[in-house]
Amino acid sequence: MALHDTTLDFFHPANWKPILTATTTTMLPVALMPIRLFANVGTVDRIIRLVLGGGLIAAAFFTKLWWLAIIGGVVFLTGLLGRCGLYYLFGITTRRKES
């Protein structure tokens, strides 16, 4: 076992990766790299999320509960985009594998 583990060292140069933009190259630590979510929500799951999210948003307007609109908006957006952050964190997918 090494005395100094560089995989957990925030300041070690090996843990910094370049981010290319249209005009510049910026170095960011790996811990701050943007997460690219892949589509992990299947068709039936998306339909359920769209209907449920829309229903929660509509219920928020009738009941004047603003937090219902926020929850409904998040659920609706995950159904619209086909990507769910919680599914990503737990390694879950309801999308069929492409053959």
C-alpha atoms as a PDB file:
ATOM      1  CA  MET A   1       0.000   0.000   0.000  1.00  0.00           C
ATOM      2  CA  ALA A   2       1.320   3.423  -0.945  1.00  0.00           C
ATOM      3  CA  LEU A   3       2.031   5.999   1.701  1.00  0.00           C
ATOM      4  CA  HIS A   4       0.229   8.665  -0.318  1.00  0.00           C
ATOM      5  CA  ASP A   5      -2.858   7.751  -2.342  1.00  0.00           C
ATOM      6  CA  THR A   6      -3.198  10.228  -5.230  1.00  0.00           C
ATOM      7  CA  THR A   7      -6.724   9.116  -6.188  1.00  0.00           C
ATOM      8  CA  LEU A   8      -8.197  11.014  -3.250  1.00  0.00           C
ATOM      9  CA  ASP A   9      -5.864  14.022  -3.416  1.00  0.00           C
ATOM     10  CA  PHE A  10      -7.815  17.041  -4.694  1.00  0.00           C
ATOM     11  CA  PHE A  11      -4.649  18.986  -5.530  1.00  0.00           C
ATOM     12  CA  HIS A  12      -2.718  16.218  -7.289  1.00  0.00           C
ATOM     13  CA  PRO A  13      -2.268  17.006 -11.035  1.00  0.00           C
ATOM     14  CA  ALA A  14      -3.459  13.531 -12.049  1.00  0.00           C
ATOM     15  CA  ASN A  15      -6.917  14.382 -10.693  1.00  0.00           C
ATOM     16  CA  TRP A  16      -7.369  17.404 -12.971  1.00  0.00           C
ATOM     17  CA  LYS A  17      -8.815  17.030 -16.479  1.00  0.00           C
ATOM     18  CA  PRO A  18      -9.154  19.593 -19.293  1.00  0.00           C
ATOM     19  CA  ILE A  19     -12.551  21.016 -20.211  1.00  0.00           C
ATOM     20  CA  LEU A  20     -12.640  22.258 -23.791  1.00  0.00           C
ATOM     21  CA  THR A  21     -14.943  25.119 -24.714  1.00  0.00           C
ATOM     22  CA  ALA A  22     -15.270  27.099 -27.926  1.00  0.00           C
ATOM     23  CA  THR A  23     -12.642  29.640 -26.899  1.00  0.00           C
ATOM     24  CA  THR A  24     -10.595  28.266 -23.985  1.00  0.00           C
ATOM     25  CA  THR A  25      -9.324  25.165 -22.267  1.00  0.00           C
ATOM     26  CA  THR A  26      -9.916  25.060 -18.528  1.00  0.00           C
ATOM     27  CA  MET A  27      -8.556  22.549 -16.056  1.00  0.00           C
ATOM     28  CA  LEU A  28     -11.079  21.256 -13.516  1.00  0.00           C
ATOM     29  CA  PRO A  29     -10.661  18.705 -10.747  1.00  0.00           C
ATOM     30  CA  VAL A  30     -12.313  15.384 -11.506  1.00  0.00           C
ATOM     31  CA  ALA A  31     -14.638  15.874  -8.521  1.00  0.00           C
ATOM     32  CA  LEU A  32     -16.113  18.954 -10.220  1.00  0.00           C
ATOM     33  CA  MET A  33     -16.450  17.437 -13.713  1.00  0.00           C
ATOM     34  CA  PRO A  34     -19.971  17.719 -15.156  1.00  0.00           C
ATOM     35  CA  ILE A  35     -22.047  14.552 -14.988  1.00  0.00           C
ATOM     36  CA  ARG A  36     -23.422  13.407 -18.328  1.00  0.00           C
ATOM     37  CA  LEU A  37     -26.653  11.574 -17.642  1.00  0.00           C
ATOM     38  CA  PHE A  38     -27.672   8.938 -20.148  1.00  0.00           C
ATOM     39  CA  ALA A  39     -31.297   8.193 -20.940  1.00  0.00           C
ATOM     40  CA  ASN A  40     -32.429   5.763 -18.256  1.00  0.00           C
ATOM     41  CA  VAL A  41     -36.223   6.207 -18.199  1.00  0.00           C
ATOM     42  CA  GLY A  42     -38.288   3.839 -20.345  1.00  0.00           C
ATOM     43  CA  THR A  43     -41.369   4.672 -22.408  1.00  0.00           C
ATOM     44  CA  VAL A  44     -44.012   3.504 -19.908  1.00  0.00           C
ATOM     45  CA  ASP A  45     -42.118   5.181 -17.064  1.00  0.00           C
ATOM     46  CA  ARG A  46     -41.949   8.428 -19.073  1.00  0.00           C
ATOM     47  CA  ILE A  47     -45.704   8.409 -19.754  1.00  0.00           C
ATOM     48  CA  ILE A  48     -46.451   7.819 -16.057  1.00  0.00           C
ATOM     49  CA  ARG A  49     -44.091  10.656 -15.072  1.00  0.00           C
ATOM     50  CA  LEU A  50     -45.624  13.066 -17.598  1.00  0.00           C
ATOM     51  CA  VAL A  51     -49.188  12.339 -16.444  1.00  0.00           C
ATOM     52  CA  LEU A  52     -48.298  12.354 -12.734  1.00  0.00           C
ATOM     53  CA  GLY A  53     -46.166  15.510 -13.039  1.00  0.00           C
ATOM     54  CA  GLY A  54     -48.880  17.318 -14.986  1.00  0.00           C
ATOM     55  CA  GLY A  55     -51.459  16.236 -12.426  1.00  0.00           C
ATOM     56  CA  LEU A  56     -49.353  17.535  -9.545  1.00  0.00           C
ATOM     57  CA  ILE A  57     -48.842  20.871 -11.307  1.00  0.00           C
ATOM     58  CA  ALA A  58     -52.591  21.158 -11.940  1.00  0.00           C
ATOM     59  CA  ALA A  59     -53.347  20.225  -8.319  1.00  0.00           C
ATOM     60  CA  ALA A  60     -50.935  22.922  -7.159  1.00  0.00           C
ATOM     61  CA  PHE A  61     -52.912  25.598  -8.994  1.00  0.00           C
ATOM     62  CA  PHE A  62     -56.198  24.482  -7.452  1.00  0.00           C
ATOM     63  CA  THR A  63     -54.902  24.027  -3.907  1.00  0.00           C
ATOM     64  CA  LYS A  64     -52.416  26.940  -3.877  1.00  0.00           C
ATOM     65  CA  LEU A  65     -49.654  24.629  -2.594  1.00  0.00           C
ATOM     66  CA  TRP A  66     -46.494  25.882  -4.338  1.00  0.00           C
ATOM     67  CA  TRP A  67     -44.394  22.895  -3.283  1.00  0.00           C
ATOM     68  CA  LEU A  68     -46.688  20.574  -5.274  1.00  0.00           C
ATOM     69  CA  ALA A  69     -45.825  22.545  -8.402  1.00  0.00           C
ATOM     70  CA  ILE A  70     -42.102  22.134  -7.746  1.00  0.00           C
ATOM     71  CA  ILE A  71     -42.392  18.383  -7.224  1.00  0.00           C
ATOM     72  CA  GLY A  72     -44.680  18.080 -10.244  1.00  0.00           C
ATOM     73  CA  GLY A  73     -42.253  20.116 -12.357  1.00  0.00           C
ATOM     74  CA  VAL A  74     -39.327  17.852 -11.468  1.00  0.00           C
ATOM     75  CA  VAL A  75     -41.353  14.709 -12.170  1.00  0.00           C
ATOM     76  CA  PHE A  76     -42.642  16.186 -15.448  1.00  0.00           C
ATOM     77  CA  LEU A  77     -39.137  17.204 -16.582  1.00  0.00           C
ATOM     78  CA  THR A  78     -37.675  13.761 -15.855  1.00  0.00           C
ATOM     79  CA  GLY A  79     -40.430  12.259 -17.980  1.00  0.00           C
ATOM     80  CA  LEU A  80     -39.931  14.815 -20.731  1.00  0.00           C
ATOM     81  CA  LEU A  81     -36.147  14.432 -20.892  1.00  0.00           C
ATOM     82  CA  GLY A  82     -36.014  10.680 -20.225  1.00  0.00           C
ATOM     83  CA  ARG A  83     -33.284  11.093 -17.620  1.00  0.00           C
ATOM     84  CA  CYS A  84     -33.568  10.627 -13.879  1.00  0.00           C
ATOM     85  CA  GLY A  85     -30.769  11.631 -11.510  1.00  0.00           C
ATOM     86  CA  LEU A  86     -31.874   9.240  -8.768  1.00  0.00           C
ATOM     87  CA  TYR A  87     -31.949   6.337 -11.225  1.00  0.00           C
ATOM     88  CA  TYR A  88     -28.431   7.325 -12.256  1.00  0.00           C
ATOM     89  CA  LEU A  89     -27.159   7.392  -8.652  1.00  0.00           C
ATOM     90  CA  PHE A  90     -28.610   3.963  -7.863  1.00  0.00           C
ATOM     91  CA  GLY A  91     -27.729   2.385 -11.228  1.00  0.00           C
ATOM     92  CA  ILE A  92     -31.373   1.773 -12.198  1.00  0.00           C
ATOM     93  CA  THR A  93     -32.727   1.905 -15.732  1.00  0.00           C
ATOM     94  CA  THR A  94     -36.214   1.185 -17.050  1.00  0.00           C
ATOM     95  CA  ARG A  95     -35.159   1.744 -20.642  1.00  0.00           C
ATOM     96  CA  ARG A  96     -34.841  -1.253 -22.925  1.00  0.00           C
ATOM     97  CA  LYS A  97     -31.384  -2.124 -24.138  1.00  0.00           C
ATOM     98  CA  GLU A  98     -30.798  -1.383 -27.791  1.00  0.00           C
ATOM     99  CA  SER A  99     -29.961  -4.470 -29.805  1.00  0.00           C
END
